[in-house]
């Protein structure tokens, strides 16, 4: 099933409109994720819309973490937005 039609429809709404709809549907905080920041070239007014591909970064000393067979960027499906959660330090 392609998500492209849904992504196209959602891209026509503002972040505020999507958040308000999520609140009405019962999503806590309207889908707000604290401390998330868009990283893009300086001065860019680029907007993005797509399914999230989440990545949990861990310290290299964490031997219990699973090891990927390739870099996470290479495993992200086309059209996804990479969301990275990194340790604070």
PDB file of N, CA and C in Angstrom:
ATOM      1  N   UNK A   1       0.837  -1.189   0.000  1.00  0.00           N
ATOM      2  CA  UNK A   1       0.000   0.000   0.000  1.00  0.00           C
ATOM      3  C   UNK A   1       0.882   1.253   0.000  1.00  0.00           C
ATOM      4  N   UNK A   2       0.666   2.129  -0.949  1.00  0.00           N
ATOM      5  CA  UNK A   2       1.448   3.352  -1.054  1.00  0.00           C
ATOM      6  C   UNK A   2       0.877   4.432  -0.134  1.00  0.00           C
ATOM      7  N   UNK A   3       1.758   5.082   0.596  1.00  0.00           N
ATOM      8  CA  UNK A   3       1.342   6.185   1.459  1.00  0.00           C
ATOM      9  C   UNK A   3       1.344   7.519   0.719  1.00  0.00           C
ATOM     10  N   UNK A   4       1.817   7.509  -0.522  1.00  0.00           N
ATOM     11  CA  UNK A   4       1.973   8.756  -1.283  1.00  0.00           C
ATOM     12  C   UNK A   4       0.702   9.606  -1.352  1.00  0.00           C
ATOM     13  N   UNK A   5      -0.488   9.018  -1.651  1.00  0.00           N
ATOM     14  CA  UNK A   5      -1.697   9.856  -1.686  1.00  0.00           C
ATOM     15  C   UNK A   5      -1.995  10.514  -0.334  1.00  0.00           C
ATOM     16  N   UNK A   6      -1.787   9.781   0.759  1.00  0.00           N
ATOM     17  CA  UNK A   6      -2.027  10.332   2.094  1.00  0.00           C
ATOM     18  C   UNK A   6      -1.030  11.436   2.411  1.00  0.00           C
ATOM     19  N   UNK A   7       0.225  11.221   2.080  1.00  0.00           N
ATOM     20  CA  UNK A   7       1.254  12.232   2.311  1.00  0.00           C
ATOM     21  C   UNK A   7       0.933  13.490   1.512  1.00  0.00           C
ATOM     22  N   UNK A   8       0.508  13.323   0.270  1.00  0.00           N
ATOM     23  CA  UNK A   8       0.143  14.474  -0.564  1.00  0.00           C
ATOM     24  C   UNK A   8      -1.005  15.262   0.053  1.00  0.00           C
ATOM     25  N   UNK A   9      -2.019  14.557   0.547  1.00  0.00           N
ATOM     26  CA  UNK A   9      -3.160  15.226   1.181  1.00  0.00           C
ATOM     27  C   UNK A   9      -2.723  15.961   2.446  1.00  0.00           C
ATOM     28  N   UNK A  10      -1.943  15.303   3.287  1.00  0.00           N
ATOM     29  CA  UNK A  10      -1.508  15.923   4.540  1.00  0.00           C
ATOM     30  C   UNK A  10      -0.588  17.107   4.310  1.00  0.00           C
ATOM     31  N   UNK A  11       0.178  17.096   3.223  1.00  0.00           N
ATOM     32  CA  UNK A  11       1.120  18.191   2.958  1.00  0.00           C
ATOM     33  C   UNK A  11       0.408  19.512   2.671  1.00  0.00           C
ATOM     34  N   UNK A  12      -0.886  19.457   2.401  1.00  0.00           N
ATOM     35  CA  UNK A  12      -1.648  20.673   2.120  1.00  0.00           C
ATOM     36  C   UNK A  12      -2.123  21.372   3.392  1.00  0.00           C
ATOM     37  N   UNK A  13      -1.933  20.735   4.556  1.00  0.00           N
ATOM     38  CA  UNK A  13      -2.350  21.316   5.829  1.00  0.00           C
ATOM     39  C   UNK A  13      -1.144  21.859   6.589  1.00  0.00           C
ATOM     40  N   UNK A  14      -1.403  22.872   7.426  1.00  0.00           N
ATOM     41  CA  UNK A  14      -0.338  23.404   8.269  1.00  0.00           C
ATOM     42  C   UNK A  14      -0.104  22.463   9.445  1.00  0.00           C
ATOM     43  N   UNK A  15       1.023  22.631  10.096  1.00  0.00           N
ATOM     44  CA  UNK A  15       1.332  21.846  11.287  1.00  0.00           C
ATOM     45  C   UNK A  15       0.258  22.050  12.344  1.00  0.00           C
ATOM     46  N   UNK A  16      -0.216  23.273  12.485  1.00  0.00           N
ATOM     47  CA  UNK A  16      -1.249  23.596  13.471  1.00  0.00           C
ATOM     48  C   UNK A  16      -2.549  22.847  13.159  1.00  0.00           C
ATOM     49  N   UNK A  17      -2.943  22.805  11.901  1.00  0.00           N
ATOM     50  CA  UNK A  17      -4.170  22.095  11.522  1.00  0.00           C
ATOM     51  C   UNK A  17      -4.065  20.598  11.807  1.00  0.00           C
ATOM     52  N   UNK A  18      -2.911  20.011  11.519  1.00  0.00           N
ATOM     53  CA  UNK A  18      -2.705  18.581  11.780  1.00  0.00           C
ATOM     54  C   UNK A  18      -2.744  18.326  13.284  1.00  0.00           C
ATOM     55  N   UNK A  19      -2.091  19.199  14.067  1.00  0.00           N
ATOM     56  CA  UNK A  19      -2.074  19.052  15.519  1.00  0.00           C
ATOM     57  C   UNK A  19      -3.485  19.153  16.099  1.00  0.00           C
ATOM     58  N   UNK A  20      -4.261  20.137  15.644  1.00  0.00           N
ATOM     59  CA  UNK A  20      -5.643  20.288  16.122  1.00  0.00           C
ATOM     60  C   UNK A  20      -6.472  19.054  15.811  1.00  0.00           C
ATOM     61  N   UNK A  21      -6.290  18.487  14.632  1.00  0.00           N
ATOM     62  CA  UNK A  21      -7.026  17.283  14.254  1.00  0.00           C
ATOM     63  C   UNK A  21      -6.619  16.107  15.138  1.00  0.00           C
ATOM     64  N   UNK A  22      -5.320  15.974  15.415  1.00  0.00           N
ATOM     65  CA  UNK A  22      -4.853  14.891  16.273  1.00  0.00           C
ATOM     66  C   UNK A  22      -5.423  15.011  17.687  1.00  0.00           C
ATOM     67  N   UNK A  23      -5.527  16.234  18.195  1.00  0.00           N
ATOM     68  CA  UNK A  23      -6.131  16.447  19.527  1.00  0.00           C
ATOM     69  C   UNK A  23      -7.589  16.011  19.509  1.00  0.00           C
ATOM     70  N   UNK A  24      -8.315  16.387  18.470  1.00  0.00           N
ATOM     71  CA  UNK A  24      -9.723  15.987  18.363  1.00  0.00           C
ATOM     72  C   UNK A  24      -9.881  14.477  18.260  1.00  0.00           C
ATOM     73  N   UNK A  25      -8.869  13.800  17.721  1.00  0.00           N
ATOM     74  CA  UNK A  25      -8.903  12.342  17.606  1.00  0.00           C
ATOM     75  C   UNK A  25      -8.383  11.643  18.864  1.00  0.00           C
ATOM     76  N   UNK A  26      -7.970  12.433  19.874  1.00  0.00           N
ATOM     77  CA  UNK A  26      -7.546  11.858  21.146  1.00  0.00           C
ATOM     78  C   UNK A  26      -6.056  11.645  21.311  1.00  0.00           C
ATOM     79  N   UNK A  27      -5.253  12.146  20.396  1.00  0.00           N
ATOM     80  CA  UNK A  27      -3.801  11.995  20.525  1.00  0.00           C
ATOM     81  C   UNK A  27      -3.274  12.952  21.594  1.00  0.00           C
ATOM     82  N   UNK A  28      -2.531  12.425  22.570  1.00  0.00           N
ATOM     83  CA  UNK A  28      -1.998  13.304  23.613  1.00  0.00           C
ATOM     84  C   UNK A  28      -1.121  14.406  23.019  1.00  0.00           C
ATOM     85  N   UNK A  29      -1.349  15.617  23.422  1.00  0.00           N
ATOM     86  CA  UNK A  29      -0.551  16.783  23.008  1.00  0.00           C
ATOM     87  C   UNK A  29      -0.581  17.035  21.506  1.00  0.00           C
ATOM     88  N   UNK A  30      -1.537  16.478  20.792  1.00  0.00           N
ATOM     89  CA  UNK A  30      -1.644  16.736  19.358  1.00  0.00           C
ATOM     90  C   UNK A  30      -0.476  16.225  18.556  1.00  0.00           C
ATOM     91  N   UNK A  31       0.204  15.218  19.065  1.00  0.00           N
ATOM     92  CA  UNK A  31       1.342  14.667  18.347  1.00  0.00           C
ATOM     93  C   UNK A  31       2.636  15.426  18.585  1.00  0.00           C
ATOM     94  N   UNK A  32       2.619  16.398  19.496  1.00  0.00           N
ATOM     95  CA  UNK A  32       3.824  17.192  19.772  1.00  0.00           C
ATOM     96  C   UNK A  32       4.924  16.314  20.363  1.00  0.00           C
ATOM     97  N   UNK A  33       6.109  16.435  19.829  1.00  0.00           N
ATOM     98  CA  UNK A  33       7.278  15.736  20.360  1.00  0.00           C
ATOM     99  C   UNK A  33       8.228  16.814  20.888  1.00  0.00           C
ATOM    100  N   UNK A  34       8.419  16.863  22.223  1.00  0.00           N
ATOM    101  CA  UNK A  34       9.276  17.919  22.795  1.00  0.00           C
ATOM    102  C   UNK A  34      10.703  17.873  22.238  1.00  0.00           C
ATOM    103  N   UNK A  35      11.278  19.042  22.089  1.00  0.00           N
ATOM    104  CA  UNK A  35      12.685  19.204  21.707  1.00  0.00           C
ATOM    105  C   UNK A  35      13.024  18.723  20.302  1.00  0.00           C
ATOM    106  N   UNK A  36      12.040  18.533  19.429  1.00  0.00           N
ATOM    107  CA  UNK A  36      12.350  18.124  18.060  1.00  0.00           C
ATOM    108  C   UNK A  36      12.647  19.382  17.237  1.00  0.00           C
ATOM    109  N   UNK A  37      13.652  19.311  16.407  1.00  0.00           N
ATOM    110  CA  UNK A  37      14.062  20.461  15.600  1.00  0.00           C
ATOM    111  C   UNK A  37      14.346  20.022  14.177  1.00  0.00           C
ATOM    112  N   UNK A  38      13.872  20.823  13.223  1.00  0.00           N
ATOM    113  CA  UNK A  38      14.172  20.586  11.820  1.00  0.00           C
ATOM    114  C   UNK A  38      15.588  21.083  11.538  1.00  0.00           C
ATOM    115  N   UNK A  39      16.396  20.237  10.961  1.00  0.00           N
ATOM    116  CA  UNK A  39      17.757  20.631  10.594  1.00  0.00           C
ATOM    117  C   UNK A  39      17.795  20.717   9.074  1.00  0.00           C
ATOM    118  N   UNK A  40      18.006  21.929   8.572  1.00  0.00           N
ATOM    119  CA  UNK A  40      18.051  22.149   7.130  1.00  0.00           C
ATOM    120  C   UNK A  40      19.047  23.268   6.842  1.00  0.00           C
ATOM    121  N   UNK A  41      19.392  23.461   5.574  1.00  0.00           N
ATOM    122  CA  UNK A  41      20.361  24.515   5.249  1.00  0.00           C
ATOM    123  C   UNK A  41      19.936  25.886   5.784  1.00  0.00           C
ATOM    124  N   UNK A  42      20.898  26.689   6.198  1.00  0.00           N
ATOM    125  CA  UNK A  42      20.638  28.014   6.737  1.00  0.00           C
ATOM    126  C   UNK A  42      19.835  28.867   5.760  1.00  0.00           C
ATOM    127  N   UNK A  43      18.814  29.513   6.278  1.00  0.00           N
ATOM    128  CA  UNK A  43      17.991  30.395   5.461  1.00  0.00           C
ATOM    129  C   UNK A  43      16.971  29.675   4.598  1.00  0.00           C
ATOM    130  N   UNK A  44      16.880  28.369   4.714  1.00  0.00           N
ATOM    131  CA  UNK A  44      15.953  27.590   3.898  1.00  0.00           C
ATOM    132  C   UNK A  44      14.542  27.721   4.433  1.00  0.00           C
ATOM    133  N   UNK A  45      13.577  27.844   3.533  1.00  0.00           N
ATOM    134  CA  UNK A  45      12.169  27.854   3.935  1.00  0.00           C
ATOM    135  C   UNK A  45      11.518  26.536   3.527  1.00  0.00           C
ATOM    136  N   UNK A  46      12.325  25.525   3.331  1.00  0.00           N
ATOM    137  CA  UNK A  46      11.879  24.200   2.914  1.00  0.00           C
ATOM    138  C   UNK A  46      10.942  23.594   3.953  1.00  0.00           C
ATOM    139  N   UNK A  47       9.879  22.964   3.497  1.00  0.00           N
ATOM    140  CA  UNK A  47       9.014  22.208   4.391  1.00  0.00           C
ATOM    141  C   UNK A  47       9.072  20.747   3.976  1.00  0.00           C
ATOM    142  N   UNK A  48       8.798  19.863   4.921  1.00  0.00           N
ATOM    143  CA  UNK A  48       8.847  18.435   4.634  1.00  0.00           C
ATOM    144  C   UNK A  48       7.588  17.760   5.139  1.00  0.00           C
ATOM    145  N   UNK A  49       7.223  16.692   4.487  1.00  0.00           N
ATOM    146  CA  UNK A  49       6.068  15.901   4.902  1.00  0.00           C
ATOM    147  C   UNK A  49       6.298  14.481   4.427  1.00  0.00           C
ATOM    148  N   UNK A  50       6.177  13.536   5.340  1.00  0.00           N
ATOM    149  CA  UNK A  50       6.359  12.138   4.982  1.00  0.00           C
ATOM    150  C   UNK A  50       6.307  11.264   6.210  1.00  0.00           C
ATOM    151  N   UNK A  51       6.245   9.978   6.002  1.00  0.00           N
ATOM    152  CA  UNK A  51       6.264   9.066   7.144  1.00  0.00           C
ATOM    153  C   UNK A  51       7.599   9.165   7.882  1.00  0.00           C
ATOM    154  N   UNK A  52       7.551   9.072   9.208  1.00  0.00           N
ATOM    155  CA  UNK A  52       8.773   9.146  10.007  1.00  0.00           C
ATOM    156  C   UNK A  52       9.516   7.818   9.965  1.00  0.00           C
ATOM    157  N   UNK A  53      10.835   7.908   9.830  1.00  0.00           N
ATOM    158  CA  UNK A  53      11.722   6.762   9.963  1.00  0.00           C
ATOM    159  C   UNK A  53      12.569   7.085  11.177  1.00  0.00           C
ATOM    160  N   UNK A  54      12.260   6.462  12.308  1.00  0.00           N
ATOM    161  CA  UNK A  54      12.907   6.826  13.562  1.00  0.00           C
ATOM    162  C   UNK A  54      14.202   6.057  13.781  1.00  0.00           C
ATOM    163  N   UNK A  55      15.174   6.772  14.326  1.00  0.00           N
ATOM    164  CA  UNK A  55      16.494   6.205  14.602  1.00  0.00           C
ATOM    165  C   UNK A  55      16.854   6.543  16.036  1.00  0.00           C
ATOM    166  N   UNK A  56      17.216   5.531  16.817  1.00  0.00           N
ATOM    167  CA  UNK A  56      17.679   5.731  18.190  1.00  0.00           C
ATOM    168  C   UNK A  56      19.198   5.611  18.202  1.00  0.00           C
ATOM    169  N   UNK A  57      19.873   6.713  18.419  1.00  0.00           N
ATOM    170  CA  UNK A  57      21.335   6.693  18.504  1.00  0.00           C
ATOM    171  C   UNK A  57      21.723   6.214  19.898  1.00  0.00           C
ATOM    172  N   UNK A  58      22.807   5.476  19.989  1.00  0.00           N
ATOM    173  CA  UNK A  58      23.317   4.991  21.275  1.00  0.00           C
ATOM    174  C   UNK A  58      24.829   5.194  21.309  1.00  0.00           C
ATOM    175  N   UNK A  59      25.365   5.179  22.509  1.00  0.00           N
ATOM    176  CA  UNK A  59      26.815   5.276  22.651  1.00  0.00           C
ATOM    177  C   UNK A  59      27.463   4.010  22.101  1.00  0.00           C
ATOM    178  N   UNK A  60      28.621   4.145  21.508  1.00  0.00           N
ATOM    179  CA  UNK A  60      29.319   2.970  20.958  1.00  0.00           C
ATOM    180  C   UNK A  60      29.681   1.975  22.054  1.00  0.00           C
ATOM    181  N   UNK A  61      29.734   2.447  23.281  1.00  0.00           N
ATOM    182  CA  UNK A  61      30.053   1.558  24.402  1.00  0.00           C
ATOM    183  C   UNK A  61      28.860   0.678  24.812  1.00  0.00           C
ATOM    184  N   UNK A  62      27.679   0.951  24.266  1.00  0.00           N
ATOM    185  CA  UNK A  62      26.477   0.169  24.595  1.00  0.00           C
ATOM    186  C   UNK A  62      26.506  -1.134  23.806  1.00  0.00           C
ATOM    187  N   UNK A  63      27.019  -2.178  24.416  1.00  0.00           N
ATOM    188  CA  UNK A  63      27.163  -3.461  23.725  1.00  0.00           C
ATOM    189  C   UNK A  63      25.847  -4.224  23.611  1.00  0.00           C
ATOM    190  N   UNK A  64      24.801  -3.768  24.314  1.00  0.00           N
ATOM    191  CA  UNK A  64      23.505  -4.448  24.235  1.00  0.00           C
ATOM    192  C   UNK A  64      22.665  -3.958  23.049  1.00  0.00           C
ATOM    193  N   UNK A  65      23.092  -2.860  22.434  1.00  0.00           N
ATOM    194  CA  UNK A  65      22.334  -2.297  21.306  1.00  0.00           C
ATOM    195  C   UNK A  65      22.514  -3.164  20.062  1.00  0.00           C
ATOM    196  N   UNK A  66      21.447  -3.307  19.273  1.00  0.00           N
ATOM    197  CA  UNK A  66      21.582  -4.095  18.032  1.00  0.00           C
ATOM    198  C   UNK A  66      22.530  -3.405  17.055  1.00  0.00           C
ATOM    199  N   UNK A  67      23.213  -4.189  16.278  1.00  0.00           N
ATOM    200  CA  UNK A  67      24.149  -3.672  15.267  1.00  0.00           C
ATOM    201  C   UNK A  67      23.480  -3.754  13.902  1.00  0.00           C
ATOM    202  N   UNK A  68      23.484  -2.639  13.175  1.00  0.00           N
ATOM    203  CA  UNK A  68      22.901  -2.613  11.836  1.00  0.00           C
ATOM    204  C   UNK A  68      23.886  -3.181  10.823  1.00  0.00           C
ATOM    205  N   UNK A  69      23.348  -3.760   9.768  1.00  0.00           N
ATOM    206  CA  UNK A  69      24.212  -4.313   8.723  1.00  0.00           C
ATOM    207  C   UNK A  69      24.760  -3.214   7.804  1.00  0.00           C
ATOM    208  N   UNK A  70      24.107  -2.042   7.805  1.00  0.00           N
ATOM    209  CA  UNK A  70      24.579  -0.901   7.018  1.00  0.00           C
ATOM    210  C   UNK A  70      24.181   0.381   7.741  1.00  0.00           C
ATOM    211  N   UNK A  71      24.647   1.508   7.232  1.00  0.00           N
ATOM    212  CA  UNK A  71      24.361   2.798   7.851  1.00  0.00           C
ATOM    213  C   UNK A  71      22.854   3.046   7.834  1.00  0.00           C
ATOM    214  N   UNK A  72      22.315   3.672   8.914  1.00  0.00           N
ATOM    215  CA  UNK A  72      20.869   3.875   8.997  1.00  0.00           C
ATOM    216  C   UNK A  72      20.304   4.691   7.841  1.00  0.00           C
ATOM    217  N   UNK A  73      21.089   5.605   7.303  1.00  0.00           N
ATOM    218  CA  UNK A  73      20.618   6.404   6.161  1.00  0.00           C
ATOM    219  C   UNK A  73      20.332   5.497   4.966  1.00  0.00           C
ATOM    220  N   UNK A  74      21.130   4.468   4.799  1.00  0.00           N
ATOM    221  CA  UNK A  74      20.942   3.552   3.678  1.00  0.00           C
ATOM    222  C   UNK A  74      19.760   2.609   3.882  1.00  0.00           C
ATOM    223  N   UNK A  75      19.277   2.496   5.122  1.00  0.00           N
ATOM    224  CA  UNK A  75      18.142   1.609   5.388  1.00  0.00           C
ATOM    225  C   UNK A  75      16.806   2.342   5.354  1.00  0.00           C
ATOM    226  N   UNK A  76      16.834   3.669   5.313  1.00  0.00           N
ATOM    227  CA  UNK A  76      15.594   4.456   5.304  1.00  0.00           C
ATOM    228  C   UNK A  76      14.910   4.329   3.943  1.00  0.00           C
ATOM    229  N   UNK A  77      13.616   3.984   3.952  1.00  0.00           N
ATOM    230  CA  UNK A  77      12.889   3.897   2.680  1.00  0.00           C
ATOM    231  C   UNK A  77      12.774   5.266   2.002  1.00  0.00           C
ATOM    232  N   UNK A  78      12.702   5.271   0.695  1.00  0.00           N
ATOM    233  CA  UNK A  78      12.553   6.519  -0.066  1.00  0.00           C
ATOM    234  C   UNK A  78      11.288   7.243   0.385  1.00  0.00           C
ATOM    235  N   UNK A  79      11.370   8.555   0.491  1.00  0.00           N
ATOM    236  CA  UNK A  79      10.208   9.365   0.834  1.00  0.00           C
ATOM    237  C   UNK A  79       9.951   9.509   2.317  1.00  0.00           C
ATOM    238  N   UNK A  80      10.798   8.905   3.159  1.00  0.00           N
ATOM    239  CA  UNK A  80      10.598   9.036   4.596  1.00  0.00           C
ATOM    240  C   UNK A  80      11.402  10.204   5.150  1.00  0.00           C
ATOM    241  N   UNK A  81      10.986  10.663   6.314  1.00  0.00           N
ATOM    242  CA  UNK A  81      11.686  11.741   7.019  1.00  0.00           C
ATOM    243  C   UNK A  81      12.412  11.085   8.191  1.00  0.00           C
ATOM    244  N   UNK A  82      13.725  11.223   8.238  1.00  0.00           N
ATOM    245  CA  UNK A  82      14.504  10.592   9.297  1.00  0.00           C
ATOM    246  C   UNK A  82      14.402  11.441  10.560  1.00  0.00           C
ATOM    247  N   UNK A  83      13.938  10.823  11.652  1.00  0.00           N
ATOM    248  CA  UNK A  83      13.819  11.460  12.949  1.00  0.00           C
ATOM    249  C   UNK A  83      14.798  10.752  13.876  1.00  0.00           C
ATOM    250  N   UNK A  84      15.785  11.505  14.384  1.00  0.00           N
ATOM    251  CA  UNK A  84      16.860  10.911  15.179  1.00  0.00           C
ATOM    252  C   UNK A  84      16.712  11.317  16.642  1.00  0.00           C
ATOM    253  N   UNK A  85      16.747  10.324  17.514  1.00  0.00           N
ATOM    254  CA  UNK A  85      16.799  10.554  18.952  1.00  0.00           C
ATOM    255  C   UNK A  85      18.209  10.209  19.410  1.00  0.00           C
ATOM    256  N   UNK A  86      18.921  11.226  19.872  1.00  0.00           N
ATOM    257  CA  UNK A  86      20.321  11.029  20.255  1.00  0.00           C
ATOM    258  C   UNK A  86      20.482  11.262  21.757  1.00  0.00           C
ATOM    259  N   UNK A  87      21.460  10.593  22.378  1.00  0.00           N
ATOM    260  CA  UNK A  87      21.741  10.845  23.794  1.00  0.00           C
ATOM    261  C   UNK A  87      22.076  12.325  23.993  1.00  0.00           C
ATOM    262  N   UNK A  88      21.748  12.854  25.156  1.00  0.00           N
ATOM    263  CA  UNK A  88      21.954  14.302  25.388  1.00  0.00           C
ATOM    264  C   UNK A  88      23.391  14.769  25.257  1.00  0.00           C
ATOM    265  N   UNK A  89      24.335  13.902  25.475  1.00  0.00           N
ATOM    266  CA  UNK A  89      25.728  14.349  25.363  1.00  0.00           C
ATOM    267  C   UNK A  89      26.377  13.675  24.181  1.00  0.00           C
TER     268      UNK A  89
END
